[in-house]
Amino acid sequence: LGRLAAEDLFDESYTYEFGKGVQLTDGDDVT
């Protein structure tokens, strides 16, 4: 956990899944 205020990325509909990544944007040049 951090000390600094964090920008909001997820809303109330978000559910954390253990061991799973979350793709936020699609793209085919670089990840």
PDB file of all heavy atoms in Angstrom:
ATOM      1  N   LEU A   1       0.826  -1.207   0.000  1.00  0.00           N
ATOM      2  CA  LEU A   1       0.000   0.000   0.000  1.00  0.00           C
ATOM      3  C   LEU A   1       0.862   1.259   0.000  1.00  0.00           C
ATOM      4  O   LEU A   1       2.018   1.236   0.426  1.00  0.00           O
ATOM      5  CB  LEU A   1      -0.917  -0.003   1.227  1.00  0.00           C
ATOM      6  CG  LEU A   1      -1.817  -1.236   1.366  1.00  0.00           C
ATOM      7  CD1 LEU A   1      -2.450  -1.286   2.744  1.00  0.00           C
ATOM      8  CD2 LEU A   1      -2.877  -1.250   0.279  1.00  0.00           C
ATOM      9  N   GLY A   2       0.289   2.367  -0.492  1.00  0.00           N
ATOM     10  CA  GLY A   2       1.054   3.590  -0.632  1.00  0.00           C
ATOM     11  C   GLY A   2       0.569   4.728   0.244  1.00  0.00           C
ATOM     12  O   GLY A   2      -0.560   4.739   0.740  1.00  0.00           O
ATOM     13  N   ARG A   3       1.426   5.716   0.394  1.00  0.00           N
ATOM     14  CA  ARG A   3       1.120   6.919   1.173  1.00  0.00           C
ATOM     15  C   ARG A   3       0.412   7.975   0.316  1.00  0.00           C
ATOM     16  O   ARG A   3      -0.446   8.711   0.784  1.00  0.00           O
ATOM     17  CB  ARG A   3       2.420   7.501   1.716  1.00  0.00           C
ATOM     18  CG  ARG A   3       2.253   8.787   2.514  1.00  0.00           C
ATOM     19  CD  ARG A   3       3.613   9.371   2.863  1.00  0.00           C
ATOM     20  NE  ARG A   3       3.516  10.437   3.847  1.00  0.00           N
ATOM     21  CZ  ARG A   3       4.566  11.121   4.289  1.00  0.00           C
ATOM     22  NH1 ARG A   3       5.779  10.833   3.840  1.00  0.00           N
ATOM     23  NH2 ARG A   3       4.412  12.073   5.181  1.00  0.00           N
ATOM     24  N   LEU A   4       0.787   8.035  -0.952  1.00  0.00           N
ATOM     25  CA  LEU A   4       0.312   9.082  -1.858  1.00  0.00           C
ATOM     26  C   LEU A   4      -1.105   8.804  -2.350  1.00  0.00           C
ATOM     27  O   LEU A   4      -1.472   7.654  -2.591  1.00  0.00           O
ATOM     28  CB  LEU A   4       1.259   9.153  -3.060  1.00  0.00           C
ATOM     29  CG  LEU A   4       1.093  10.310  -4.042  1.00  0.00           C
ATOM     30  CD1 LEU A   4       1.403  11.641  -3.372  1.00  0.00           C
ATOM     31  CD2 LEU A   4       2.015  10.094  -5.245  1.00  0.00           C
ATOM     32  N   ALA A   5      -1.903   9.857  -2.507  1.00  0.00           N
ATOM     33  CA  ALA A   5      -3.248   9.699  -3.074  1.00  0.00           C
ATOM     34  C   ALA A   5      -3.138   9.057  -4.453  1.00  0.00           C
ATOM     35  O   ALA A   5      -2.280   9.429  -5.263  1.00  0.00           O
ATOM     36  CB  ALA A   5      -3.941  11.047  -3.172  1.00  0.00           C
ATOM     37  N   ALA A   6      -3.994   8.080  -4.708  1.00  0.00           N
ATOM     38  CA  ALA A   6      -3.957   7.335  -5.973  1.00  0.00           C
ATOM     39  C   ALA A   6      -5.106   7.771  -6.875  1.00  0.00           C
ATOM     40  O   ALA A   6      -6.221   8.009  -6.407  1.00  0.00           O
ATOM     41  CB  ALA A   6      -4.049   5.841  -5.692  1.00  0.00           C
ATOM     42  N   GLU A   7      -4.833   7.847  -8.163  1.00  0.00           N
ATOM     43  CA  GLU A   7      -5.893   8.194  -9.108  1.00  0.00           C
ATOM     44  C   GLU A   7      -6.915   7.064  -9.199  1.00  0.00           C
ATOM     45  O   GLU A   7      -6.561   5.890  -9.154  1.00  0.00           O
ATOM     46  CB  GLU A   7      -5.293   8.464 -10.491  1.00  0.00           C
ATOM     47  CG  GLU A   7      -4.397   9.682 -10.519  1.00  0.00           C
ATOM     48  CD  GLU A   7      -3.972  10.049 -11.939  1.00  0.00           C
ATOM     49  OE1 GLU A   7      -4.769   9.833 -12.865  1.00  0.00           O
ATOM     50  OE2 GLU A   7      -2.846  10.545 -12.089  1.00  0.00           O
ATOM     51  N   ASP A   8      -8.177   7.441  -9.318  1.00  0.00           N
ATOM     52  CA  ASP A   8      -9.241   6.442  -9.433  1.00  0.00           C
ATOM     53  C   ASP A   8      -9.217   5.807 -10.819  1.00  0.00           C
ATOM     54  O   ASP A   8      -9.330   6.489 -11.826  1.00  0.00           O
ATOM     55  CB  ASP A   8     -10.607   7.085  -9.186  1.00  0.00           C
ATOM     56  CG  ASP A   8     -10.812   7.475  -7.736  1.00  0.00           C
ATOM     57  OD1 ASP A   8     -10.263   6.779  -6.855  1.00  0.00           O
ATOM     58  OD2 ASP A   8     -11.511   8.469  -7.470  1.00  0.00           O
ATOM     59  N   LEU A   9      -9.080   4.491 -10.842  1.00  0.00           N
ATOM     60  CA  LEU A   9      -9.107   3.741 -12.100  1.00  0.00           C
ATOM     61  C   LEU A   9     -10.357   2.894 -12.241  1.00  0.00           C
ATOM     62  O   LEU A   9     -10.824   2.635 -13.347  1.00  0.00           O
ATOM     63  CB  LEU A   9      -7.878   2.827 -12.189  1.00  0.00           C
ATOM     64  CG  LEU A   9      -6.522   3.502 -12.413  1.00  0.00           C
ATOM     65  CD1 LEU A   9      -5.411   2.478 -12.293  1.00  0.00           C
ATOM     66  CD2 LEU A   9      -6.482   4.158 -13.779  1.00  0.00           C
ATOM     67  N   PHE A  10     -10.890   2.439 -11.102  1.00  0.00           N
ATOM     68  CA  PHE A  10     -12.008   1.507 -11.113  1.00  0.00           C
ATOM     69  C   PHE A  10     -13.215   2.086 -10.385  1.00  0.00           C
ATOM     70  O   PHE A  10     -13.066   2.800  -9.397  1.00  0.00           O
ATOM     71  CB  PHE A  10     -11.604   0.180 -10.460  1.00  0.00           C
ATOM     72  CG  PHE A  10     -10.388  -0.452 -11.109  1.00  0.00           C
ATOM     73  CD1 PHE A  10      -9.164  -0.470 -10.451  1.00  0.00           C
ATOM     74  CD2 PHE A  10     -10.482  -1.010 -12.365  1.00  0.00           C
ATOM     75  CE1 PHE A  10      -8.052  -1.039 -11.041  1.00  0.00           C
ATOM     76  CE2 PHE A  10      -9.371  -1.592 -12.971  1.00  0.00           C
ATOM     77  CZ  PHE A  10      -8.155  -1.605 -12.305  1.00  0.00           C
ATOM     78  N   ASP A  11     -14.414   1.745 -10.883  1.00  0.00           N
ATOM     79  CA  ASP A  11     -15.639   2.208 -10.224  1.00  0.00           C
ATOM     80  C   ASP A  11     -16.219   1.108  -9.353  1.00  0.00           C
ATOM     81  O   ASP A  11     -15.605   0.047  -9.162  1.00  0.00           O
ATOM     82  CB  ASP A  11     -16.656   2.710 -11.263  1.00  0.00           C
ATOM     83  CG  ASP A  11     -17.071   1.631 -12.267  1.00  0.00           C
ATOM     84  OD1 ASP A  11     -16.980   0.419 -11.931  1.00  0.00           O
ATOM     85  OD2 ASP A  11     -17.499   1.984 -13.379  1.00  0.00           O
ATOM     86  N   GLU A  12     -17.409   1.337  -8.836  1.00  0.00           N
ATOM     87  CA  GLU A  12     -18.016   0.401  -7.886  1.00  0.00           C
ATOM     88  C   GLU A  12     -18.342  -0.958  -8.497  1.00  0.00           C
ATOM     89  O   GLU A  12     -18.576  -1.930  -7.781  1.00  0.00           O
ATOM     90  CB  GLU A  12     -19.289   1.021  -7.301  1.00  0.00           C
ATOM     91  CG  GLU A  12     -19.029   2.212  -6.385  1.00  0.00           C
ATOM     92  CD  GLU A  12     -18.143   1.855  -5.204  1.00  0.00           C
ATOM     93  OE1 GLU A  12     -18.423   0.838  -4.543  1.00  0.00           O
ATOM     94  OE2 GLU A  12     -17.169   2.585  -4.951  1.00  0.00           O
ATOM     95  N   SER A  13     -18.358  -1.040  -9.824  1.00  0.00           N
ATOM     96  CA  SER A  13     -18.673  -2.314 -10.476  1.00  0.00           C
ATOM     97  C   SER A  13     -17.464  -3.255 -10.524  1.00  0.00           C
ATOM     98  O   SER A  13     -17.600  -4.439 -10.844  1.00  0.00           O
ATOM     99  CB  SER A  13     -19.179  -2.076 -11.903  1.00  0.00           C
ATOM    100  OG  SER A  13     -18.140  -1.534 -12.716  1.00  0.00           O
ATOM    101  N   TYR A  14     -16.279  -2.723 -10.189  1.00  0.00           N
ATOM    102  CA  TYR A  14     -15.055  -3.521 -10.306  1.00  0.00           C
ATOM    103  C   TYR A  14     -14.996  -4.616  -9.246  1.00  0.00           C
ATOM    104  O   TYR A  14     -15.268  -4.383  -8.069  1.00  0.00           O
ATOM    105  CB  TYR A  14     -13.825  -2.633 -10.182  1.00  0.00           C
ATOM    106  CG  TYR A  14     -12.523  -3.394 -10.143  1.00  0.00           C
ATOM    107  CD1 TYR A  14     -11.994  -3.960 -11.297  1.00  0.00           C
ATOM    108  CD2 TYR A  14     -11.818  -3.564  -8.953  1.00  0.00           C
ATOM    109  CE1 TYR A  14     -10.796  -4.661 -11.273  1.00  0.00           C
ATOM    110  CE2 TYR A  14     -10.618  -4.260  -8.904  1.00  0.00           C
ATOM    111  CZ  TYR A  14     -10.118  -4.809 -10.070  1.00  0.00           C
ATOM    112  OH  TYR A  14      -8.931  -5.513 -10.041  1.00  0.00           O
ATOM    113  N   THR A  15     -14.595  -5.799  -9.668  1.00  0.00           N
ATOM    114  CA  THR A  15     -14.388  -6.921  -8.756  1.00  0.00           C
ATOM    115  C   THR A  15     -12.974  -7.449  -8.938  1.00  0.00           C
ATOM    116  O   THR A  15     -12.575  -7.788 -10.063  1.00  0.00           O
ATOM    117  CB  THR A  15     -15.391  -8.059  -9.021  1.00  0.00           C
ATOM    118  OG1 THR A  15     -16.716  -7.559  -8.855  1.00  0.00           O
ATOM    119  CG2 THR A  15     -15.171  -9.218  -8.059  1.00  0.00           C
ATOM    120  N   TYR A  16     -12.238  -7.514  -7.878  1.00  0.00           N
ATOM    121  CA  TYR A  16     -10.878  -8.050  -7.931  1.00  0.00           C
ATOM    122  C   TYR A  16     -10.908  -9.561  -8.090  1.00  0.00           C
ATOM    123  O   TYR A  16     -11.653 -10.258  -7.396  1.00  0.00           O
ATOM    124  CB  TYR A  16     -10.126  -7.685  -6.648  1.00  0.00           C
ATOM    125  CG  TYR A  16      -8.839  -8.451  -6.458  1.00  0.00           C
ATOM    126  CD1 TYR A  16      -7.701  -8.141  -7.197  1.00  0.00           C
ATOM    127  CD2 TYR A  16      -8.765  -9.492  -5.522  1.00  0.00           C
ATOM    128  CE1 TYR A  16      -6.521  -8.848  -7.021  1.00  0.00           C
ATOM    129  CE2 TYR A  16      -7.583 -10.201  -5.332  1.00  0.00           C
ATOM    130  CZ  TYR A  16      -6.470  -9.880  -6.091  1.00  0.00           C
ATOM    131  OH  TYR A  16      -5.306 -10.588  -5.916  1.00  0.00           O
ATOM    132  N   GLU A  17     -10.082 -10.083  -9.004  1.00  0.00           N
ATOM    133  CA  GLU A  17      -9.935 -11.519  -9.189  1.00  0.00           C
ATOM    134  C   GLU A  17      -8.499 -11.913  -8.875  1.00  0.00           C
ATOM    135  O   GLU A  17      -7.566 -11.453  -9.535  1.00  0.00           O
ATOM    136  CB  GLU A  17     -10.284 -11.930 -10.624  1.00  0.00           C
ATOM    137  CG  GLU A  17     -11.753 -11.821 -10.970  1.00  0.00           C
ATOM    138  CD  GLU A  17     -12.045 -12.394 -12.351  1.00  0.00           C
ATOM    139  OE1 GLU A  17     -11.964 -13.625 -12.508  1.00  0.00           O
ATOM    140  OE2 GLU A  17     -12.317 -11.600 -13.269  1.00  0.00           O
ATOM    141  N   PHE A  18      -8.345 -12.745  -7.900  1.00  0.00           N
ATOM    142  CA  PHE A  18      -7.022 -13.190  -7.454  1.00  0.00           C
ATOM    143  C   PHE A  18      -6.277 -13.879  -8.605  1.00  0.00           C
ATOM    144  O   PHE A  18      -6.806 -14.760  -9.272  1.00  0.00           O
ATOM    145  CB  PHE A  18      -7.185 -14.158  -6.281  1.00  0.00           C
ATOM    146  CG  PHE A  18      -5.897 -14.700  -5.738  1.00  0.00           C
ATOM    147  CD1 PHE A  18      -4.984 -13.867  -5.113  1.00  0.00           C
ATOM    148  CD2 PHE A  18      -5.606 -16.056  -5.827  1.00  0.00           C
ATOM    149  CE1 PHE A  18      -3.805 -14.366  -4.583  1.00  0.00           C
ATOM    150  CE2 PHE A  18      -4.429 -16.573  -5.302  1.00  0.00           C
ATOM    151  CZ  PHE A  18      -3.519 -15.720  -4.677  1.00  0.00           C
ATOM    152  N   GLY A  19      -5.037 -13.436  -8.814  1.00  0.00           N
ATOM    153  CA  GLY A  19      -4.212 -14.068  -9.835  1.00  0.00           C
ATOM    154  C   GLY A  19      -4.530 -13.674 -11.257  1.00  0.00           C
ATOM    155  O   GLY A  19      -4.000 -14.279 -12.196  1.00  0.00           O
ATOM    156  N   LYS A  20      -5.379 -12.661 -11.447  1.00  0.00           N
ATOM    157  CA  LYS A  20      -5.777 -12.239 -12.791  1.00  0.00           C
ATOM    158  C   LYS A  20      -5.354 -10.802 -13.072  1.00  0.00           C
ATOM    159  O   LYS A  20      -5.527  -9.923 -12.230  1.00  0.00           O
ATOM    160  CB  LYS A  20      -7.292 -12.358 -12.968  1.00  0.00           C
ATOM    161  CG  LYS A  20      -7.815 -13.793 -12.909  1.00  0.00           C
ATOM    162  CD  LYS A  20      -7.285 -14.617 -14.072  1.00  0.00           C
ATOM    163  CE  LYS A  20      -7.860 -16.024 -14.053  1.00  0.00           C
ATOM    164  NZ  LYS A  20      -7.289 -16.843 -15.161  1.00  0.00           N
ATOM    165  N   GLY A  21      -4.815 -10.575 -14.272  1.00  0.00           N
ATOM    166  CA  GLY A  21      -4.521  -9.226 -14.716  1.00  0.00           C
ATOM    167  C   GLY A  21      -5.757  -8.593 -15.317  1.00  0.00           C
ATOM    168  O   GLY A  21      -6.753  -9.274 -15.596  1.00  0.00           O
ATOM    169  N   VAL A  22      -5.702  -7.284 -15.523  1.00  0.00           N
ATOM    170  CA  VAL A  22      -6.835  -6.539 -16.071  1.00  0.00           C
ATOM    171  C   VAL A  22      -6.352  -5.746 -17.285  1.00  0.00           C
ATOM    172  O   VAL A  22      -5.465  -4.896 -17.147  1.00  0.00           O
ATOM    173  CB  VAL A  22      -7.422  -5.560 -15.024  1.00  0.00           C
ATOM    174  CG1 VAL A  22      -8.639  -4.840 -15.604  1.00  0.00           C
ATOM    175  CG2 VAL A  22      -7.785  -6.294 -13.738  1.00  0.00           C
ATOM    176  N   GLN A  23      -6.905  -6.042 -18.460  1.00  0.00           N
ATOM    177  CA  GLN A  23      -6.541  -5.259 -19.635  1.00  0.00           C
ATOM    178  C   GLN A  23      -7.384  -3.999 -19.671  1.00  0.00           C
ATOM    179  O   GLN A  23      -8.605  -4.052 -19.736  1.00  0.00           O
ATOM    180  CB  GLN A  23      -6.748  -6.065 -20.914  1.00  0.00           C
ATOM    181  CG  GLN A  23      -6.298  -5.310 -22.163  1.00  0.00           C
ATOM    182  CD  GLN A  23      -6.238  -6.176 -23.405  1.00  0.00           C
ATOM    183  OE1 GLN A  23      -5.710  -7.276 -23.367  1.00  0.00           O
ATOM    184  NE2 GLN A  23      -6.770  -5.667 -24.513  1.00  0.00           N
ATOM    185  N   LEU A  24      -6.707  -2.845 -19.627  1.00  0.00           N
ATOM    186  CA  LEU A  24      -7.400  -1.556 -19.576  1.00  0.00           C
ATOM    187  C   LEU A  24      -7.597  -0.956 -20.963  1.00  0.00           C
ATOM    188  O   LEU A  24      -8.578  -0.263 -21.204  1.00  0.00           O
ATOM    189  CB  LEU A  24      -6.621  -0.581 -18.689  1.00  0.00           C
ATOM    190  CG  LEU A  24      -6.441  -1.013 -17.225  1.00  0.00           C
ATOM    191  CD1 LEU A  24      -5.639   0.029 -16.465  1.00  0.00           C
ATOM    192  CD2 LEU A  24      -7.781  -1.245 -16.559  1.00  0.00           C
ATOM    193  N   THR A  25      -6.629  -1.160 -21.857  1.00  0.00           N
ATOM    194  CA  THR A  25      -6.763  -0.698 -23.234  1.00  0.00           C
ATOM    195  C   THR A  25      -6.199  -1.755 -24.169  1.00  0.00           C
ATOM    196  O   THR A  25      -5.324  -2.549 -23.778  1.00  0.00           O
ATOM    197  CB  THR A  25      -6.009   0.630 -23.491  1.00  0.00           C
ATOM    198  OG1 THR A  25      -4.601   0.395 -23.381  1.00  0.00           O
ATOM    199  CG2 THR A  25      -6.432   1.703 -22.508  1.00  0.00           C
ATOM    200  N   ASP A  26      -6.684  -1.780 -25.400  1.00  0.00           N
ATOM    201  CA  ASP A  26      -6.172  -2.722 -26.382  1.00  0.00           C
ATOM    202  C   ASP A  26      -5.138  -2.032 -27.260  1.00  0.00           C
ATOM    203  O   ASP A  26      -5.142  -0.806 -27.404  1.00  0.00           O
ATOM    204  CB  ASP A  26      -7.323  -3.269 -27.241  1.00  0.00           C
ATOM    205  CG  ASP A  26      -6.930  -4.526 -27.987  1.00  0.00           C
ATOM    206  OD1 ASP A  26      -5.867  -5.094 -27.656  1.00  0.00           O
ATOM    207  OD2 ASP A  26      -7.668  -4.947 -28.902  1.00  0.00           O
ATOM    208  N   GLY A  27      -4.253  -2.804 -27.843  1.00  0.00           N
ATOM    209  CA  GLY A  27      -3.234  -2.273 -28.733  1.00  0.00           C
ATOM    210  C   GLY A  27      -2.412  -3.405 -29.300  1.00  0.00           C
ATOM    211  O   GLY A  27      -2.335  -4.486 -28.693  1.00  0.00           O
ATOM    212  N   ASP A  28      -1.771  -3.178 -30.446  1.00  0.00           N
ATOM    213  CA  ASP A  28      -0.999  -4.256 -31.061  1.00  0.00           C
ATOM    214  C   ASP A  28       0.452  -3.893 -31.368  1.00  0.00           C
ATOM    215  O   ASP A  28       1.181  -4.693 -31.951  1.00  0.00           O
ATOM    216  CB  ASP A  28      -1.698  -4.751 -32.337  1.00  0.00           C
ATOM    217  CG  ASP A  28      -2.010  -3.618 -33.308  1.00  0.00           C
ATOM    218  OD1 ASP A  28      -1.384  -2.550 -33.203  1.00  0.00           O
ATOM    219  OD2 ASP A  28      -2.892  -3.819 -34.155  1.00  0.00           O
ATOM    220  N   ASP A  29       0.895  -2.697 -30.957  1.00  0.00           N
ATOM    221  CA  ASP A  29       2.298  -2.326 -31.169  1.00  0.00           C
ATOM    222  C   ASP A  29       3.167  -2.677 -29.962  1.00  0.00           C
ATOM    223  O   ASP A  29       4.212  -3.304 -30.088  1.00  0.00           O
ATOM    224  CB  ASP A  29       2.406  -0.828 -31.457  1.00  0.00           C
ATOM    225  CG  ASP A  29       1.923  -0.470 -32.848  1.00  0.00           C
ATOM    226  OD1 ASP A  29       2.046  -1.320 -33.757  1.00  0.00           O
ATOM    227  OD2 ASP A  29       1.405   0.650 -33.038  1.00  0.00           O
ATOM    228  N   VAL A  30       2.750  -2.249 -28.788  1.00  0.00           N
ATOM    229  CA  VAL A  30       3.517  -2.469 -27.566  1.00  0.00           C
ATOM    230  C   VAL A  30       2.537  -2.745 -26.428  1.00  0.00           C
ATOM    231  O   VAL A  30       1.396  -2.276 -26.454  1.00  0.00           O
ATOM    232  CB  VAL A  30       4.390  -1.229 -27.238  1.00  0.00           C
ATOM    233  CG1 VAL A  30       3.522   0.016 -27.039  1.00  0.00           C
ATOM    234  CG2 VAL A  30       5.250  -1.463 -25.987  1.00  0.00           C
ATOM    235  N   THR A  31       3.002  -3.512 -25.439  1.00  0.00           N
ATOM    236  CA  THR A  31       2.194  -3.750 -24.240  1.00  0.00           C
ATOM    237  C   THR A  31       2.865  -3.092 -23.040  1.00  0.00           C
ATOM    238  O   THR A  31       4.055  -3.303 -22.798  1.00  0.00           O
ATOM    239  CB  THR A  31       2.017  -5.249 -23.953  1.00  0.00           C
ATOM    240  OG1 THR A  31       1.333  -5.877 -25.039  1.00  0.00           O
ATOM    241  CG2 THR A  31       1.210  -5.466 -22.678  1.00  0.00           C
TER     242      THR A  31
END
